[in-house]
């Protein structure tokens, strides 16, 4: 499963301009990050932002009741992936920025091309949005959330950009990730209620480094099948390229470690393994097969990375083959 030893390290090539890089918003030697290494909280992460964004009293009443169509039996082990379409996949690919402190993200187009290829193999309807300003991102997300997803299995959103703890960058500014997630909760997008909502974030979450460690050998009651209620925040999965507070690495020619690993696993096992098992092997690839190679910058040299998965999924998710009818429609 692992890449060969020659490919597992991000070596600096003979061109001289090929190097490991991070998706932090500042330089490697110093950071203008307002969230310092000793001043971050997991409460600002996926669960905290999702809850804060969706439970804003000004946007919905706590007493309001929501009803959505049941798409899966109450105690079904797996999500219903037998709808007519797999669903939308929106990719926000950021290479160039208007923010003066942000460098261009060499290698991100490789990530984007690989992700498009594997998602199409999994039957997603893929659209790529390049170097969008925040207003355009919000418009596209609002549009996607307003669509009728009744005939879709799920939705997927990927963001490739610079970031810091709790924030990610558009072309022109930073924004909190709940600006994306909160639009797809069951109360805001009923046609996705009970369906997987998948988010993949390739970006730094801080400026801390992971030096790694060398491993050496040594010696309820009741039931009702008619209807059931689910939390509005259920069925989300958010996969970060790194853990809160830490750098996320990207090779300037082969792409980011996380996206390389994710695309490799989706291509090899996307229709065989369930998503959480698959993402466990993505974690393994990133953790074991990659190490930064920046000998000219000793403090950044031989560093490691581990992705971080936040899941509110309630069933097993597997991208099984779509059945094609004689007329060519699923």
Protein backbone atom coordinates (compact mmCIF):
# COMPACT_ATOMS: atom_id res chain seq x y z
CA UNK A 1 0.00 0.00 0.00
CA UNK A 2 2.79 2.41 0.87
CA UNK A 3 4.72 4.34 -1.72
CA UNK A 4 8.21 3.15 -2.53
CA UNK A 5 11.03 4.54 -0.35
CA UNK A 6 12.23 6.82 -3.14
CA UNK A 7 8.82 8.43 -3.43
CA UNK A 8 7.94 8.57 0.25
CA UNK A 9 10.20 11.54 0.99
CA UNK A 10 9.72 15.00 -0.50
CA UNK A 11 13.22 15.36 -1.84
CA UNK A 12 14.52 18.65 -3.22
CA UNK A 13 15.11 18.17 -6.93
CA UNK A 14 18.09 19.34 -8.98
CA UNK A 15 16.11 22.33 -10.29
CA UNK A 16 16.74 24.10 -7.01
CA UNK A 17 13.25 25.58 -6.83
CA UNK A 18 11.56 22.33 -5.82
CA UNK A 19 11.05 22.13 -2.09
CA UNK A 20 8.80 21.17 0.75
CA UNK A 21 6.45 23.92 1.77
CA UNK A 22 3.70 24.45 4.30
CA UNK A 23 0.19 25.78 3.93
CA UNK A 24 0.67 28.35 6.68
CA UNK A 25 -0.10 31.95 5.82
CA UNK A 26 3.25 33.41 6.94
CA UNK A 27 6.91 32.61 6.42
CA UNK A 28 8.54 29.51 7.87
CA UNK A 29 10.83 31.41 10.21
CA UNK A 30 8.20 33.60 11.80
CA UNK A 31 4.44 33.87 11.93
CA UNK A 32 2.01 36.73 12.25
CA UNK A 33 -0.58 34.21 13.39
CA UNK A 34 -2.77 35.78 16.05
CA UNK A 35 -3.35 32.29 17.49
CA UNK A 36 0.01 31.42 19.03
CA UNK A 37 1.18 27.89 19.70
CA UNK A 38 0.27 28.23 23.37
CA UNK A 39 -3.08 29.87 22.79
CA UNK A 40 -5.35 27.57 20.87
CA UNK A 41 -8.42 25.56 21.75
CA UNK A 42 -10.08 22.53 20.22
CA UNK A 43 -13.33 24.37 20.82
CA UNK A 44 -12.63 26.49 17.76
CA UNK A 45 -12.32 23.41 15.57
CA UNK A 46 -14.83 21.45 13.56
CA UNK A 47 -17.35 20.62 16.27
CA UNK A 48 -17.14 23.99 17.99
CA UNK A 49 -17.50 26.00 14.79
CA UNK A 50 -20.23 23.79 13.41
CA UNK A 51 -22.29 24.09 16.57
CA UNK A 52 -21.69 27.82 16.92
CA UNK A 53 -22.49 28.51 13.29
CA UNK A 54 -25.69 26.52 13.16
CA UNK A 55 -27.10 27.36 16.58
CA UNK A 56 -27.12 31.11 16.09
CA UNK A 57 -30.40 32.22 17.72
CA UNK A 58 -30.81 34.94 15.13
CA UNK A 59 -30.92 32.41 12.28
CA UNK A 60 -33.29 29.81 13.72
CA UNK A 61 -35.54 29.32 16.69
CA UNK A 62 -34.63 26.64 19.21
CA UNK A 63 -38.30 25.67 19.32
CA UNK A 64 -38.76 25.31 15.58
CA UNK A 65 -39.52 21.78 14.35
CA UNK A 66 -37.97 20.43 11.16
CA UNK A 67 -39.16 17.48 9.09
CA UNK A 68 -37.17 15.80 6.31
CA UNK A 69 -37.76 12.76 4.13
CA UNK A 70 -36.45 9.49 5.59
CA UNK A 71 -33.76 8.16 3.23
CA UNK A 72 -32.44 5.30 5.39
CA UNK A 73 -34.12 2.90 7.78
CA UNK A 74 -33.68 3.83 11.41
CA UNK A 75 -31.09 1.19 12.35
CA UNK A 76 -29.57 0.53 8.94
CA UNK A 77 -25.86 -0.23 9.22
CA UNK A 78 -24.91 1.60 6.03
CA UNK A 79 -25.90 4.82 4.32
CA UNK A 80 -28.23 4.51 1.35
CA UNK A 81 -25.90 5.02 -1.62
CA UNK A 82 -28.43 3.80 -4.19
CA UNK A 83 -29.84 7.15 -5.28
CA UNK A 84 -29.81 8.12 -8.95
CA UNK A 85 -26.66 10.25 -8.57
CA UNK A 86 -23.62 10.17 -6.29
CA UNK A 87 -23.84 13.92 -5.72
CA UNK A 88 -21.97 17.19 -6.07
CA UNK A 89 -18.26 17.59 -5.37
CA UNK A 90 -17.11 21.20 -5.11
CA UNK A 91 -13.35 21.85 -5.09
CA UNK A 92 -12.06 25.28 -4.07
CA UNK A 93 -8.46 25.39 -5.29
CA UNK A 94 -6.40 28.38 -4.14
CA UNK A 95 -3.02 29.04 -5.73
CA UNK A 96 -2.62 32.84 -5.78
CA UNK A 97 -3.73 35.38 -3.18
CA UNK A 98 -4.32 39.10 -2.83
CA UNK A 99 -3.30 39.05 0.85
CA UNK A 100 0.30 40.38 0.90
CA UNK A 101 1.59 37.86 3.48
CA UNK A 102 0.39 34.82 1.52
CA UNK A 103 2.72 33.08 -0.90
CA UNK A 104 1.49 31.25 -3.99
CA UNK A 105 0.83 27.56 -3.35
CA UNK A 106 3.00 25.73 -5.89
CA UNK A 107 1.82 22.13 -6.30
CA UNK A 108 -1.85 22.74 -5.54
CA UNK A 109 -2.91 22.22 -9.17
CA UNK A 110 -1.46 18.70 -9.02
CA UNK A 111 -3.61 18.05 -5.94
CA UNK A 112 -6.66 19.43 -7.71
CA UNK A 113 -6.15 17.39 -10.89
CA UNK A 114 -5.66 14.17 -8.92
CA UNK A 115 -8.71 14.85 -6.76
CA UNK A 116 -10.90 15.56 -9.79
CA UNK A 117 -9.79 12.30 -11.38
CA UNK A 118 -10.53 10.05 -8.39
CA UNK A 119 -13.83 11.75 -7.53
CA UNK A 120 -15.07 11.27 -11.08
CA UNK A 121 -14.10 7.61 -10.80
CA UNK A 122 -16.37 7.49 -7.74
CA UNK A 123 -19.22 8.97 -9.84
CA UNK A 124 -19.25 12.47 -8.33
CA UNK A 125 -20.35 15.47 -10.37
CA UNK A 126 -17.17 17.53 -9.91
CA UNK A 127 -16.77 21.29 -10.32
CA UNK A 128 -13.54 23.22 -9.67
CA UNK A 129 -13.48 26.83 -8.52
CA UNK A 130 -10.07 28.48 -8.78
CA UNK A 131 -8.78 31.36 -6.64
CA UNK A 132 -12.21 32.53 -5.52
CA UNK A 133 -12.76 35.55 -3.32
CA UNK A 134 -14.80 34.94 -0.18
CA UNK A 135 -17.98 36.49 -1.59
CA UNK A 136 -17.87 34.06 -4.53
CA UNK A 137 -17.22 31.07 -2.24
CA UNK A 138 -20.20 32.02 -0.10
CA UNK A 139 -22.39 32.46 -3.18
CA UNK A 140 -21.43 29.02 -4.52
CA UNK A 141 -21.96 27.32 -1.15
CA UNK A 142 -25.34 29.01 -0.67
CA UNK A 143 -26.31 27.92 -4.18
CA UNK A 144 -25.26 24.31 -3.54
CA UNK A 145 -27.20 24.22 -0.27
CA UNK A 146 -30.31 25.57 -1.99
CA UNK A 147 -30.39 22.77 -4.58
CA UNK A 148 -32.62 19.70 -4.39
CA UNK A 149 -30.36 16.77 -3.43
CA UNK A 150 -33.19 14.24 -3.22
CA UNK A 151 -31.69 12.08 -5.99
CA UNK A 152 -28.13 12.36 -4.62
CA UNK A 153 -26.28 10.07 -2.21
CA UNK A 154 -24.21 12.78 -0.53
CA UNK A 155 -22.22 15.99 -1.01
CA UNK A 156 -18.47 16.60 -0.89
CA UNK A 157 -16.55 19.87 -0.52
CA UNK A 158 -12.75 20.16 -0.70
CA UNK A 159 -10.77 23.31 0.10
CA UNK A 160 -7.08 23.60 -0.83
CA UNK A 161 -5.58 26.76 0.62
CA UNK A 162 -3.51 28.47 3.30
CA UNK A 163 -4.89 28.43 6.82
CA UNK A 164 -4.38 28.95 10.52
CA UNK A 165 -6.19 27.62 13.56
CA UNK A 166 -9.93 27.91 12.98
CA UNK A 167 -9.56 29.87 9.73
CA UNK A 168 -8.91 29.26 6.07
CA UNK A 169 -8.04 31.75 3.33
CA UNK A 170 -9.91 32.71 0.20
CA UNK A 171 -8.13 34.79 -2.42
CA UNK A 172 -8.85 38.03 -0.56
CA UNK A 173 -9.43 37.27 3.14
CA UNK A 174 -9.65 34.69 5.91
CA UNK A 175 -12.92 33.10 7.00
CA UNK A 176 -14.16 30.56 9.50
CA UNK A 177 -14.93 27.13 8.12
CA UNK A 178 -18.43 27.14 9.59
CA UNK A 179 -19.29 29.54 6.74
CA UNK A 180 -19.22 26.39 4.60
CA UNK A 181 -20.48 23.65 6.91
CA UNK A 182 -23.39 25.42 8.52
CA UNK A 183 -25.21 25.77 5.20
CA UNK A 184 -25.64 21.99 4.93
CA UNK A 185 -27.09 21.11 8.34
CA UNK A 186 -30.39 19.24 8.20
CA UNK A 187 -32.42 22.32 9.11
CA UNK A 188 -30.83 24.41 6.34
CA UNK A 189 -30.65 21.73 3.63
CA UNK A 190 -33.42 19.16 4.26
CA UNK A 191 -32.76 17.18 1.07
CA UNK A 192 -29.34 16.22 2.54
CA UNK A 193 -30.76 15.25 5.94
CA UNK A 194 -29.60 11.75 6.85
CA UNK A 195 -27.02 11.78 4.04
CA UNK A 196 -23.22 12.06 4.30
CA UNK A 197 -21.75 15.56 4.08
CA UNK A 198 -18.00 15.27 3.50
CA UNK A 199 -15.40 18.04 3.83
CA UNK A 200 -11.69 17.73 3.06
CA UNK A 201 -9.46 20.61 4.16
CA UNK A 202 -5.88 20.92 2.92
CA UNK A 203 -4.45 23.82 4.93
CA UNK A 204 -2.29 24.58 7.94
CA UNK A 205 -3.98 24.86 11.32
CA UNK A 206 -1.11 26.68 13.02
CA UNK A 207 2.68 27.05 13.02
CA UNK A 208 3.82 24.21 15.27
CA UNK A 209 6.09 21.46 13.96
CA UNK A 210 5.94 17.71 14.57
CA UNK A 211 9.46 16.30 14.89
CA UNK A 212 8.18 12.73 15.18
CA UNK A 213 9.62 9.88 17.22
CA UNK A 214 11.73 6.96 16.03
CA UNK A 215 10.14 3.55 16.60
CA UNK A 216 12.62 0.81 17.52
CA UNK A 217 11.91 -2.88 18.17
CA UNK A 218 12.11 -4.09 21.82
CA UNK A 219 11.00 -7.03 23.68
CA UNK A 220 -31.78 2.50 24.45
CA UNK A 221 -35.22 1.37 25.09
CA UNK A 222 -38.05 1.47 22.55
CA UNK A 223 -38.11 1.36 18.77
CA UNK A 224 -40.12 2.81 15.91
CA UNK A 225 -39.65 1.98 12.25
CA UNK A 226 -42.20 4.58 11.14
CA UNK A 227 -40.16 7.72 11.83
CA UNK A 228 -37.25 8.93 13.89
CA UNK A 229 -35.47 12.16 14.75
CA UNK A 230 -31.79 12.92 14.11
CA UNK A 231 -29.60 15.83 15.30
CA UNK A 232 -29.21 18.61 12.73
CA UNK A 233 -25.42 18.21 12.99
CA UNK A 234 -25.45 14.47 12.26
CA UNK A 235 -23.83 12.85 9.21
CA UNK A 236 -20.90 15.25 8.78
CA UNK A 237 -17.30 14.22 8.25
CA UNK A 238 -14.49 16.79 8.23
CA UNK A 239 -11.00 15.59 7.33
CA UNK A 240 -8.18 18.04 8.03
CA UNK A 241 -4.73 17.59 6.55
CA UNK A 242 -3.19 18.20 9.99
CA UNK A 243 -4.10 18.51 13.66
CA UNK A 244 -4.99 21.84 15.32
CA UNK A 245 -2.00 24.10 15.86
CA UNK A 246 0.33 22.42 13.35
CA UNK A 247 1.77 22.94 9.88
CA UNK A 248 0.51 21.07 6.84
CA UNK A 249 3.16 20.12 4.28
CA UNK A 250 3.00 20.41 0.49
CA UNK A 251 5.56 19.36 -2.10
CA UNK A 252 5.87 21.98 -4.83
CA UNK A 253 5.86 19.42 -7.67
CA UNK A 254 3.90 16.42 -6.36
CA UNK A 255 1.33 18.21 -4.22
CA UNK A 256 0.45 18.06 -0.54
CA UNK A 257 1.15 14.96 1.53
CA UNK A 258 -2.50 14.69 2.57
CA UNK A 259 -3.98 15.03 -0.92
CA UNK A 260 -1.40 12.65 -2.41
CA UNK A 261 -2.38 10.05 0.19
CA UNK A 262 -6.12 10.69 -0.03
CA UNK A 263 -6.16 10.40 -3.82
CA UNK A 264 -4.03 7.25 -3.75
CA UNK A 265 -6.38 5.56 -1.27
CA UNK A 266 -9.55 6.66 -3.06
CA UNK A 267 -8.16 5.37 -6.36
CA UNK A 268 -7.08 2.02 -4.89
CA UNK A 269 -9.84 1.35 -2.36
CA UNK A 270 -12.57 3.96 -2.83
CA UNK A 271 -15.22 1.42 -3.84
CA UNK A 272 -14.01 -1.37 -1.55
CA UNK A 273 -13.37 0.11 1.90
CA UNK A 274 -15.70 2.20 4.03
CA UNK A 275 -14.64 5.84 4.38
CA UNK A 276 -13.35 5.65 7.97
CA UNK A 277 -11.20 2.61 7.24
CA UNK A 278 -9.93 4.33 4.11
CA UNK A 279 -9.09 7.52 6.01
CA UNK A 280 -7.24 5.47 8.62
CA UNK A 281 -4.95 4.27 5.83
CA UNK A 282 -4.64 7.86 4.58
CA UNK A 283 -3.40 8.75 8.07
CA UNK A 284 -0.96 5.85 7.89
CA UNK A 285 0.44 6.97 4.53
CA UNK A 286 0.97 10.55 5.71
CA UNK A 287 2.43 9.50 9.06
CA UNK A 288 4.79 6.79 7.81
CA UNK A 289 5.70 7.58 4.21
CA UNK A 290 6.43 11.32 4.37
CA UNK A 291 9.07 13.48 6.00
CA UNK A 292 10.09 17.03 5.12
CA UNK A 293 13.39 17.50 3.31
CA UNK A 294 14.60 21.08 3.74
CA UNK A 295 18.30 20.77 4.69
CA UNK A 296 18.88 24.48 4.05
CA UNK A 297 16.34 25.27 6.80
CA UNK A 298 17.34 22.95 9.67
CA UNK A 299 14.40 23.79 11.93
CA UNK A 300 11.97 22.66 9.19
CA UNK A 301 13.98 19.59 8.18
CA UNK A 302 12.78 16.00 8.80
CA UNK A 303 9.39 17.03 10.17
CA UNK A 304 6.28 14.86 10.25
CA UNK A 305 2.51 15.32 9.91
CA UNK A 306 -0.70 13.52 10.89
CA UNK A 307 -4.17 14.29 9.50
CA UNK A 308 -7.12 14.83 11.82
CA UNK A 309 -10.57 13.36 11.18
CA UNK A 310 -13.72 14.68 12.85
CA UNK A 311 -16.73 12.46 12.25
CA UNK A 312 -20.39 12.78 13.08
CA UNK A 313 -21.30 9.97 10.68
CA UNK A 314 -23.96 7.63 12.04
CA UNK A 315 -23.55 4.72 9.60
CA UNK A 316 -20.96 2.99 7.47
CA UNK A 317 -20.21 4.93 4.28
CA UNK A 318 -19.04 3.04 1.21
CA UNK A 319 -18.90 4.37 -2.38
CA UNK A 320 -20.33 1.26 -4.01
CA UNK A 321 -20.65 1.02 -7.79
CA UNK A 322 -23.57 2.80 -9.36
CA UNK A 323 -25.92 0.39 -11.15
CA UNK A 324 -26.45 1.45 -14.76
CA UNK A 325 -29.83 0.70 -16.33
CA UNK A 326 -30.16 -0.40 -20.00
CA UNK A 327 -31.18 3.15 -20.87
CA UNK A 328 -27.88 4.38 -19.45
CA UNK A 329 -29.40 6.00 -16.37
CA UNK A 330 -28.74 5.02 -12.77
